[in-house]
PDB file of all heavy atoms in Angstrom:
ATOM      1  N   ILE A   1       0.867  -1.181   0.000  1.00  0.00           N
ATOM      2  CA  ILE A   1       0.000   0.000   0.000  1.00  0.00           C
ATOM      3  C   ILE A   1       0.902   1.229   0.000  1.00  0.00           C
ATOM      4  O   ILE A   1       1.813   1.340   0.815  1.00  0.00           O
ATOM      5  CB  ILE A   1      -0.917   0.029   1.232  1.00  0.00           C
ATOM      6  CG1 ILE A   1      -1.816  -1.209   1.256  1.00  0.00           C
ATOM      7  CG2 ILE A   1      -1.771   1.298   1.239  1.00  0.00           C
ATOM      8  CD1 ILE A   1      -2.620  -1.344   2.526  1.00  0.00           C
ATOM      9  N   TYR A   2       0.647   2.137  -0.940  1.00  0.00           N
ATOM     10  CA  TYR A   2       1.487   3.324  -1.080  1.00  0.00           C
ATOM     11  C   TYR A   2       0.642   4.594  -1.045  1.00  0.00           C
ATOM     12  O   TYR A   2      -0.313   4.730  -1.810  1.00  0.00           O
ATOM     13  CB  TYR A   2       2.240   3.281  -2.413  1.00  0.00           C
ATOM     14  CG  TYR A   2       3.137   2.080  -2.555  1.00  0.00           C
ATOM     15  CD1 TYR A   2       2.686   0.937  -3.207  1.00  0.00           C
ATOM     16  CD2 TYR A   2       4.412   2.086  -2.021  1.00  0.00           C
ATOM     17  CE1 TYR A   2       3.514  -0.162  -3.336  1.00  0.00           C
ATOM     18  CE2 TYR A   2       5.244   0.983  -2.143  1.00  0.00           C
ATOM     19  CZ  TYR A   2       4.785  -0.137  -2.804  1.00  0.00           C
ATOM     20  OH  TYR A   2       5.597  -1.223  -2.925  1.00  0.00           O
ATOM     21  N   PRO A   3       1.005   5.538  -0.178  1.00  0.00           N
ATOM     22  CA  PRO A   3       0.329   6.827  -0.191  1.00  0.00           C
ATOM     23  C   PRO A   3       0.904   7.674  -1.325  1.00  0.00           C
ATOM     24  O   PRO A   3       2.114   7.698  -1.539  1.00  0.00           O
ATOM     25  CB  PRO A   3       0.692   7.423   1.169  1.00  0.00           C
ATOM     26  CG  PRO A   3       2.055   6.874   1.444  1.00  0.00           C
ATOM     27  CD  PRO A   3       2.036   5.486   0.857  1.00  0.00           C
ATOM     28  N   VAL A   4       0.043   8.342  -2.081  1.00  0.00           N
ATOM     29  CA  VAL A   4       0.510   9.177  -3.183  1.00  0.00           C
ATOM     30  C   VAL A   4      -0.353  10.429  -3.307  1.00  0.00           C
ATOM     31  O   VAL A   4      -1.432  10.514  -2.722  1.00  0.00           O
ATOM     32  CB  VAL A   4       0.494   8.419  -4.533  1.00  0.00           C
ATOM     33  CG1 VAL A   4       1.440   7.228  -4.523  1.00  0.00           C
ATOM     34  CG2 VAL A   4      -0.911   7.989  -4.921  1.00  0.00           C
ATOM     35  N   SER A   5       0.140  11.353  -4.087  1.00  0.00           N
ATOM     36  CA  SER A   5      -0.637  12.528  -4.463  1.00  0.00           C
ATOM     37  C   SER A   5      -0.570  12.664  -5.978  1.00  0.00           C
ATOM     38  O   SER A   5       0.424  13.158  -6.526  1.00  0.00           O
ATOM     39  CB  SER A   5      -0.086  13.797  -3.803  1.00  0.00           C
ATOM     40  OG  SER A   5      -0.706  14.929  -4.385  1.00  0.00           O
ATOM     41  N   ALA A   6      -1.605  12.206  -6.655  1.00  0.00           N
ATOM     42  CA  ALA A   6      -1.656  12.300  -8.110  1.00  0.00           C
ATOM     43  C   ALA A   6      -1.640  13.764  -8.555  1.00  0.00           C
ATOM     44  O   ALA A   6      -1.038  14.097  -9.575  1.00  0.00           O
ATOM     45  CB  ALA A   6      -2.891  11.588  -8.642  1.00  0.00           C
ATOM     46  N   HIS A   7      -2.269  14.625  -7.795  1.00  0.00           N
ATOM     47  CA  HIS A   7      -2.307  16.054  -8.132  1.00  0.00           C
ATOM     48  C   HIS A   7      -0.891  16.636  -8.154  1.00  0.00           C
ATOM     49  O   HIS A   7      -0.503  17.309  -9.111  1.00  0.00           O
ATOM     50  CB  HIS A   7      -3.190  16.800  -7.124  1.00  0.00           C
ATOM     51  CG  HIS A   7      -3.276  18.265  -7.357  1.00  0.00           C
ATOM     52  ND1 HIS A   7      -3.976  18.812  -8.400  1.00  0.00           N
ATOM     53  CD2 HIS A   7      -2.729  19.305  -6.685  1.00  0.00           C
ATOM     54  CE1 HIS A   7      -3.867  20.122  -8.357  1.00  0.00           C
ATOM     55  NE2 HIS A   7      -3.112  20.445  -7.336  1.00  0.00           N
ATOM     56  N   ASN A   8      -0.116  16.374  -7.112  1.00  0.00           N
ATOM     57  CA  ASN A   8       1.258  16.877  -7.075  1.00  0.00           C
ATOM     58  C   ASN A   8       2.100  16.267  -8.190  1.00  0.00           C
ATOM     59  O   ASN A   8       2.897  16.964  -8.824  1.00  0.00           O
ATOM     60  CB  ASN A   8       1.902  16.590  -5.718  1.00  0.00           C
ATOM     61  CG  ASN A   8       1.394  17.492  -4.621  1.00  0.00           C
ATOM     62  OD1 ASN A   8       0.685  18.456  -4.858  1.00  0.00           O
ATOM     63  ND2 ASN A   8       1.740  17.164  -3.397  1.00  0.00           N
ATOM     64  N   ALA A   9       1.940  14.973  -8.439  1.00  0.00           N
ATOM     65  CA  ALA A   9       2.699  14.309  -9.502  1.00  0.00           C
ATOM     66  C   ALA A   9       2.357  14.903 -10.867  1.00  0.00           C
ATOM     67  O   ALA A   9       3.243  15.147 -11.691  1.00  0.00           O
ATOM     68  CB  ALA A   9       2.429  12.812  -9.490  1.00  0.00           C
ATOM     69  N   TYR A  10       1.077  15.146 -11.105  1.00  0.00           N
ATOM     70  CA  TYR A  10       0.627  15.727 -12.368  1.00  0.00           C
ATOM     71  C   TYR A  10       1.246  17.106 -12.582  1.00  0.00           C
ATOM     72  O   TYR A  10       1.816  17.392 -13.643  1.00  0.00           O
ATOM     73  CB  TYR A  10      -0.901  15.819 -12.381  1.00  0.00           C
ATOM     74  CG  TYR A  10      -1.452  16.689 -13.471  1.00  0.00           C
ATOM     75  CD1 TYR A  10      -1.479  16.242 -14.786  1.00  0.00           C
ATOM     76  CD2 TYR A  10      -1.937  17.957 -13.195  1.00  0.00           C
ATOM     77  CE1 TYR A  10      -1.979  17.051 -15.794  1.00  0.00           C
ATOM     78  CE2 TYR A  10      -2.433  18.763 -14.195  1.00  0.00           C
ATOM     79  CZ  TYR A  10      -2.454  18.317 -15.495  1.00  0.00           C
ATOM     80  OH  TYR A  10      -2.942  19.115 -16.491  1.00  0.00           O
ATOM     81  N   LEU A  11       1.135  17.985 -11.588  1.00  0.00           N
ATOM     82  CA  LEU A  11       1.678  19.332 -11.731  1.00  0.00           C
ATOM     83  C   LEU A  11       3.197  19.304 -11.913  1.00  0.00           C
ATOM     84  O   LEU A  11       3.744  20.028 -12.754  1.00  0.00           O
ATOM     85  CB  LEU A  11       1.317  20.190 -10.514  1.00  0.00           C
ATOM     86  CG  LEU A  11      -0.144  20.590 -10.379  1.00  0.00           C
ATOM     87  CD1 LEU A  11      -0.370  21.329  -9.064  1.00  0.00           C
ATOM     88  CD2 LEU A  11      -0.586  21.459 -11.557  1.00  0.00           C
ATOM     89  N   ALA A  12       3.876  18.465 -11.141  1.00  0.00           N
ATOM     90  CA  ALA A  12       5.336  18.377 -11.243  1.00  0.00           C
ATOM     91  C   ALA A  12       5.768  17.897 -12.626  1.00  0.00           C
ATOM     92  O   ALA A  12       6.663  18.480 -13.242  1.00  0.00           O
ATOM     93  CB  ALA A  12       5.879  17.445 -10.168  1.00  0.00           C
ATOM     94  N   ASN A  13       5.138  16.845 -13.120  1.00  0.00           N
ATOM     95  CA  ASN A  13       5.512  16.323 -14.428  1.00  0.00           C
ATOM     96  C   ASN A  13       5.175  17.280 -15.558  1.00  0.00           C
ATOM     97  O   ASN A  13       5.939  17.411 -16.510  1.00  0.00           O
ATOM     98  CB  ASN A  13       4.871  14.957 -14.674  1.00  0.00           C
ATOM     99  CG  ASN A  13       5.684  13.858 -14.066  1.00  0.00           C
ATOM    100  OD1 ASN A  13       6.905  13.904 -14.072  1.00  0.00           O
ATOM    101  ND2 ASN A  13       5.016  12.853 -13.537  1.00  0.00           N
ATOM    102  N   ARG A  14       4.064  17.946 -15.450  1.00  0.00           N
ATOM    103  CA  ARG A  14       3.698  18.918 -16.484  1.00  0.00           C
ATOM    104  C   ARG A  14       4.715  20.056 -16.519  1.00  0.00           C
ATOM    105  O   ARG A  14       5.137  20.482 -17.593  1.00  0.00           O
ATOM    106  CB  ARG A  14       2.293  19.446 -16.206  1.00  0.00           C
ATOM    107  CG  ARG A  14       1.719  20.174 -17.372  1.00  0.00           C
ATOM    108  CD  ARG A  14       0.231  20.137 -17.425  1.00  0.00           C
ATOM    109  NE  ARG A  14      -0.181  20.822 -18.632  1.00  0.00           N
ATOM    110  CZ  ARG A  14      -1.375  21.309 -18.820  1.00  0.00           C
ATOM    111  NH1 ARG A  14      -2.294  21.159 -17.891  1.00  0.00           N
ATOM    112  NH2 ARG A  14      -1.677  21.919 -19.932  1.00  0.00           N
ATOM    113  N   ALA A  15       5.138  20.531 -15.352  1.00  0.00           N
ATOM    114  CA  ALA A  15       6.138  21.599 -15.285  1.00  0.00           C
ATOM    115  C   ALA A  15       7.485  21.107 -15.808  1.00  0.00           C
ATOM    116  O   ALA A  15       8.147  21.802 -16.582  1.00  0.00           O
ATOM    117  CB  ALA A  15       6.271  22.103 -13.856  1.00  0.00           C
ATOM    118  N   LYS A  16       7.896  19.908 -15.393  1.00  0.00           N
ATOM    119  CA  LYS A  16       9.179  19.360 -15.864  1.00  0.00           C
ATOM    120  C   LYS A  16       9.203  19.249 -17.388  1.00  0.00           C
ATOM    121  O   LYS A  16      10.203  19.599 -18.024  1.00  0.00           O
ATOM    122  CB  LYS A  16       9.433  17.978 -15.254  1.00  0.00           C
ATOM    123  CG  LYS A  16       9.862  17.996 -13.817  1.00  0.00           C
ATOM    124  CD  LYS A  16      10.068  16.557 -13.352  1.00  0.00           C
ATOM    125  CE  LYS A  16      10.674  16.471 -11.999  1.00  0.00           C
ATOM    126  NZ  LYS A  16      11.014  15.095 -11.624  1.00  0.00           N
ATOM    127  N   CYS A  17       8.138  18.760 -17.974  1.00  0.00           N
ATOM    128  CA  CYS A  17       8.071  18.618 -19.433  1.00  0.00           C
ATOM    129  C   CYS A  17       8.141  19.972 -20.130  1.00  0.00           C
ATOM    130  O   CYS A  17       8.872  20.144 -21.107  1.00  0.00           O
ATOM    131  CB  CYS A  17       6.796  17.886 -19.844  1.00  0.00           C
ATOM    132  SG  CYS A  17       6.821  16.132 -19.442  1.00  0.00           S
ATOM    133  N   SER A  18       7.383  20.919 -19.641  1.00  0.00           N
ATOM    134  CA  SER A  18       7.383  22.252 -20.238  1.00  0.00           C
ATOM    135  C   SER A  18       8.758  22.900 -20.139  1.00  0.00           C
ATOM    136  O   SER A  18       9.251  23.489 -21.106  1.00  0.00           O
ATOM    137  CB  SER A  18       6.335  23.139 -19.558  1.00  0.00           C
ATOM    138  OG  SER A  18       6.309  24.405 -20.167  1.00  0.00           O
ATOM    139  N   LEU A  19       9.396  22.788 -18.980  1.00  0.00           N
ATOM    140  CA  LEU A  19      10.728  23.372 -18.799  1.00  0.00           C
ATOM    141  C   LEU A  19      11.764  22.678 -19.678  1.00  0.00           C
ATOM    142  O   LEU A  19      12.651  23.324 -20.235  1.00  0.00           O
ATOM    143  CB  LEU A  19      11.132  23.323 -17.327  1.00  0.00           C
ATOM    144  CG  LEU A  19      10.331  24.240 -16.403  1.00  0.00           C
ATOM    145  CD1 LEU A  19      10.608  23.903 -14.939  1.00  0.00           C
ATOM    146  CD2 LEU A  19      10.611  25.706 -16.694  1.00  0.00           C
ATOM    147  N   ALA A  20      11.659  21.366 -19.839  1.00  0.00           N
ATOM    148  CA  ALA A  20      12.607  20.626 -20.674  1.00  0.00           C
ATOM    149  C   ALA A  20      12.424  20.961 -22.156  1.00  0.00           C
ATOM    150  O   ALA A  20      13.411  21.125 -22.883  1.00  0.00           O
ATOM    151  CB  ALA A  20      12.444  19.128 -20.452  1.00  0.00           C
ATOM    152  N   LEU A  21      11.178  21.073 -22.597  1.00  0.00           N
ATOM    153  CA  LEU A  21      10.912  21.312 -24.013  1.00  0.00           C
ATOM    154  C   LEU A  21      11.045  22.777 -24.430  1.00  0.00           C
ATOM    155  O   LEU A  21      11.579  23.081 -25.491  1.00  0.00           O
ATOM    156  CB  LEU A  21       9.499  20.831 -24.369  1.00  0.00           C
ATOM    157  CG  LEU A  21       9.270  19.333 -24.359  1.00  0.00           C
ATOM    158  CD1 LEU A  21       7.789  19.013 -24.539  1.00  0.00           C
ATOM    159  CD2 LEU A  21      10.092  18.665 -25.462  1.00  0.00           C
ATOM    160  N   TYR A  22      10.538  23.678 -23.590  1.00  0.00           N
ATOM    161  CA  TYR A  22      10.423  25.082 -23.997  1.00  0.00           C
ATOM    162  C   TYR A  22      11.267  26.042 -23.161  1.00  0.00           C
ATOM    163  O   TYR A  22      11.294  27.237 -23.428  1.00  0.00           O
ATOM    164  CB  TYR A  22       8.958  25.522 -23.945  1.00  0.00           C
ATOM    165  CG  TYR A  22       8.054  24.595 -24.710  1.00  0.00           C
ATOM    166  CD1 TYR A  22       7.117  23.809 -24.049  1.00  0.00           C
ATOM    167  CD2 TYR A  22       8.145  24.480 -26.092  1.00  0.00           C
ATOM    168  CE1 TYR A  22       6.288  22.950 -24.747  1.00  0.00           C
ATOM    169  CE2 TYR A  22       7.321  23.623 -26.796  1.00  0.00           C
ATOM    170  CZ  TYR A  22       6.394  22.858 -26.113  1.00  0.00           C
ATOM    171  OH  TYR A  22       5.573  22.002 -26.804  1.00  0.00           O
ATOM    172  N   LYS A  23      11.885  25.527 -22.106  1.00  0.00           N
ATOM    173  CA  LYS A  23      12.705  26.351 -21.192  1.00  0.00           C
ATOM    174  C   LYS A  23      11.895  27.451 -20.515  1.00  0.00           C
ATOM    175  O   LYS A  23      12.428  28.482 -20.112  1.00  0.00           O
ATOM    176  CB  LYS A  23      13.905  26.980 -21.921  1.00  0.00           C
ATOM    177  CG  LYS A  23      14.768  25.998 -22.660  1.00  0.00           C
ATOM    178  CD  LYS A  23      15.485  25.078 -21.703  1.00  0.00           C
ATOM    179  CE  LYS A  23      16.434  24.166 -22.457  1.00  0.00           C
ATOM    180  NZ  LYS A  23      16.278  22.784 -22.152  1.00  0.00           N
ATOM    181  N   LYS A  24      10.600  27.222 -20.396  1.00  0.00           N
ATOM    182  CA  LYS A  24       9.720  28.151 -19.690  1.00  0.00           C
ATOM    183  C   LYS A  24       8.406  27.453 -19.378  1.00  0.00           C
ATOM    184  O   LYS A  24       8.123  26.379 -19.897  1.00  0.00           O
ATOM    185  CB  LYS A  24       9.461  29.412 -20.505  1.00  0.00           C
ATOM    186  CG  LYS A  24       8.673  29.175 -21.773  1.00  0.00           C
ATOM    187  CD  LYS A  24       8.393  30.460 -22.500  1.00  0.00           C
ATOM    188  CE  LYS A  24       7.455  30.182 -23.679  1.00  0.00           C
ATOM    189  NZ  LYS A  24       6.966  31.403 -24.278  1.00  0.00           N
ATOM    190  N   LEU A  25       7.632  28.082 -18.523  1.00  0.00           N
ATOM    191  CA  LEU A  25       6.287  27.587 -18.226  1.00  0.00           C
ATOM    192  C   LEU A  25       5.297  28.380 -19.063  1.00  0.00           C
ATOM    193  O   LEU A  25       5.472  29.579 -19.271  1.00  0.00           O
ATOM    194  CB  LEU A  25       5.972  27.751 -16.738  1.00  0.00           C
ATOM    195  CG  LEU A  25       6.828  26.908 -15.787  1.00  0.00           C
ATOM    196  CD1 LEU A  25       6.472  27.219 -14.338  1.00  0.00           C
ATOM    197  CD2 LEU A  25       6.648  25.425 -16.054  1.00  0.00           C
ATOM    198  N   PRO A  26       4.254  27.737 -19.550  1.00  0.00           N
ATOM    199  CA  PRO A  26       3.278  28.436 -20.386  1.00  0.00           C
ATOM    200  C   PRO A  26       2.389  29.367 -19.559  1.00  0.00           C
ATOM    201  O   PRO A  26       2.352  29.287 -18.334  1.00  0.00           O
ATOM    202  CB  PRO A  26       2.455  27.299 -20.992  1.00  0.00           C
ATOM    203  CG  PRO A  26       2.535  26.220 -19.977  1.00  0.00           C
ATOM    204  CD  PRO A  26       3.901  26.336 -19.352  1.00  0.00           C
ATOM    205  N   ASP A  27       1.690  30.219 -20.248  1.00  0.00           N
ATOM    206  CA  ASP A  27       0.736  31.112 -19.604  1.00  0.00           C
ATOM    207  C   ASP A  27      -0.613  30.394 -19.545  1.00  0.00           C
ATOM    208  O   ASP A  27      -1.525  30.682 -20.309  1.00  0.00           O
ATOM    209  CB  ASP A  27       0.631  32.426 -20.391  1.00  0.00           C
ATOM    210  CG  ASP A  27      -0.240  33.453 -19.683  1.00  0.00           C
ATOM    211  OD1 ASP A  27      -0.456  33.310 -18.473  1.00  0.00           O
ATOM    212  OD2 ASP A  27      -0.707  34.380 -20.363  1.00  0.00           O
ATOM    213  N   GLU A  28      -0.698  29.414 -18.650  1.00  0.00           N
ATOM    214  CA  GLU A  28      -1.906  28.609 -18.494  1.00  0.00           C
ATOM    215  C   GLU A  28      -2.267  28.521 -17.017  1.00  0.00           C
ATOM    216  O   GLU A  28      -1.420  28.702 -16.144  1.00  0.00           O
ATOM    217  CB  GLU A  28      -1.696  27.202 -19.061  1.00  0.00           C
ATOM    218  CG  GLU A  28      -1.460  27.181 -20.554  1.00  0.00           C
ATOM    219  CD  GLU A  28      -1.215  25.785 -21.108  1.00  0.00           C
ATOM    220  OE1 GLU A  28      -1.399  24.797 -20.378  1.00  0.00           O
ATOM    221  OE2 GLU A  28      -0.832  25.703 -22.280  1.00  0.00           O
ATOM    222  N   GLY A  29      -3.526  28.211 -16.732  1.00  0.00           N
ATOM    223  CA  GLY A  29      -4.036  28.202 -15.361  1.00  0.00           C
ATOM    224  C   GLY A  29      -3.331  27.256 -14.406  1.00  0.00           C
ATOM    225  O   GLY A  29      -3.170  27.556 -13.232  1.00  0.00           O
ATOM    226  N   TRP A  30      -2.887  26.091 -14.882  1.00  0.00           N
ATOM    227  CA  TRP A  30      -2.255  25.114 -14.000  1.00  0.00           C
ATOM    228  C   TRP A  30      -0.959  25.642 -13.406  1.00  0.00           C
ATOM    229  O   TRP A  30      -0.563  25.230 -12.321  1.00  0.00           O
ATOM    230  CB  TRP A  30      -2.023  23.786 -14.706  1.00  0.00           C
ATOM    231  CG  TRP A  30      -1.011  23.813 -15.819  1.00  0.00           C
ATOM    232  CD1 TRP A  30      -1.263  24.016 -17.139  1.00  0.00           C
ATOM    233  CD2 TRP A  30       0.394  23.652 -15.689  1.00  0.00           C
ATOM    234  NE1 TRP A  30      -0.091  23.985 -17.848  1.00  0.00           N
ATOM    235  CE2 TRP A  30       0.945  23.761 -16.982  1.00  0.00           C
ATOM    236  CE3 TRP A  30       1.258  23.424 -14.624  1.00  0.00           C
ATOM    237  CZ2 TRP A  30       2.301  23.653 -17.239  1.00  0.00           C
ATOM    238  CZ3 TRP A  30       2.624  23.323 -14.866  1.00  0.00           C
ATOM    239  CH2 TRP A  30       3.133  23.436 -16.165  1.00  0.00           C
ATOM    240  N   VAL A  31      -0.303  26.564 -14.109  1.00  0.00           N
ATOM    241  CA  VAL A  31       0.981  27.099 -13.623  1.00  0.00           C
ATOM    242  C   VAL A  31       0.790  27.842 -12.313  1.00  0.00           C
ATOM    243  O   VAL A  31       1.617  27.746 -11.407  1.00  0.00           O
ATOM    244  CB  VAL A  31       1.647  27.994 -14.696  1.00  0.00           C
ATOM    245  CG1 VAL A  31       2.888  28.673 -14.138  1.00  0.00           C
ATOM    246  CG2 VAL A  31       1.978  27.170 -15.927  1.00  0.00           C
ATOM    247  N   LYS A  32      -0.313  28.549 -12.185  1.00  0.00           N
ATOM    248  CA  LYS A  32      -0.570  29.261 -10.934  1.00  0.00           C
ATOM    249  C   LYS A  32      -0.730  28.269  -9.779  1.00  0.00           C
ATOM    250  O   LYS A  32      -0.223  28.488  -8.687  1.00  0.00           O
ATOM    251  CB  LYS A  32      -1.790  30.159 -11.057  1.00  0.00           C
ATOM    252  CG  LYS A  32      -1.957  31.078  -9.890  1.00  0.00           C
ATOM    253  CD  LYS A  32      -2.902  32.213 -10.176  1.00  0.00           C
ATOM    254  CE  LYS A  32      -2.814  33.182  -9.028  1.00  0.00           C
ATOM    255  NZ  LYS A  32      -3.442  34.442  -9.302  1.00  0.00           N
ATOM    256  N   ASN A  33      -1.428  27.154 -10.006  1.00  0.00           N
ATOM    257  CA  ASN A  33      -1.550  26.117  -8.969  1.00  0.00           C
ATOM    258  C   ASN A  33      -0.188  25.539  -8.613  1.00  0.00           C
ATOM    259  O   ASN A  33       0.105  25.291  -7.447  1.00  0.00           O
ATOM    260  CB  ASN A  33      -2.467  24.983  -9.433  1.00  0.00           C
ATOM    261  CG  ASN A  33      -3.909  25.386  -9.478  1.00  0.00           C
ATOM    262  OD1 ASN A  33      -4.343  26.275  -8.767  1.00  0.00           O
ATOM    263  ND2 ASN A  33      -4.664  24.738 -10.331  1.00  0.00           N
TER     264      ASN A  33
END
């Protein structure tokens, strides 16, 4: 049994991908979260 936070994982991975591909975060609502 593993405790997790899918919300935190989602935001972290989305940010990592954006930073790796574009070297910046987009102007989208999730970035504020």
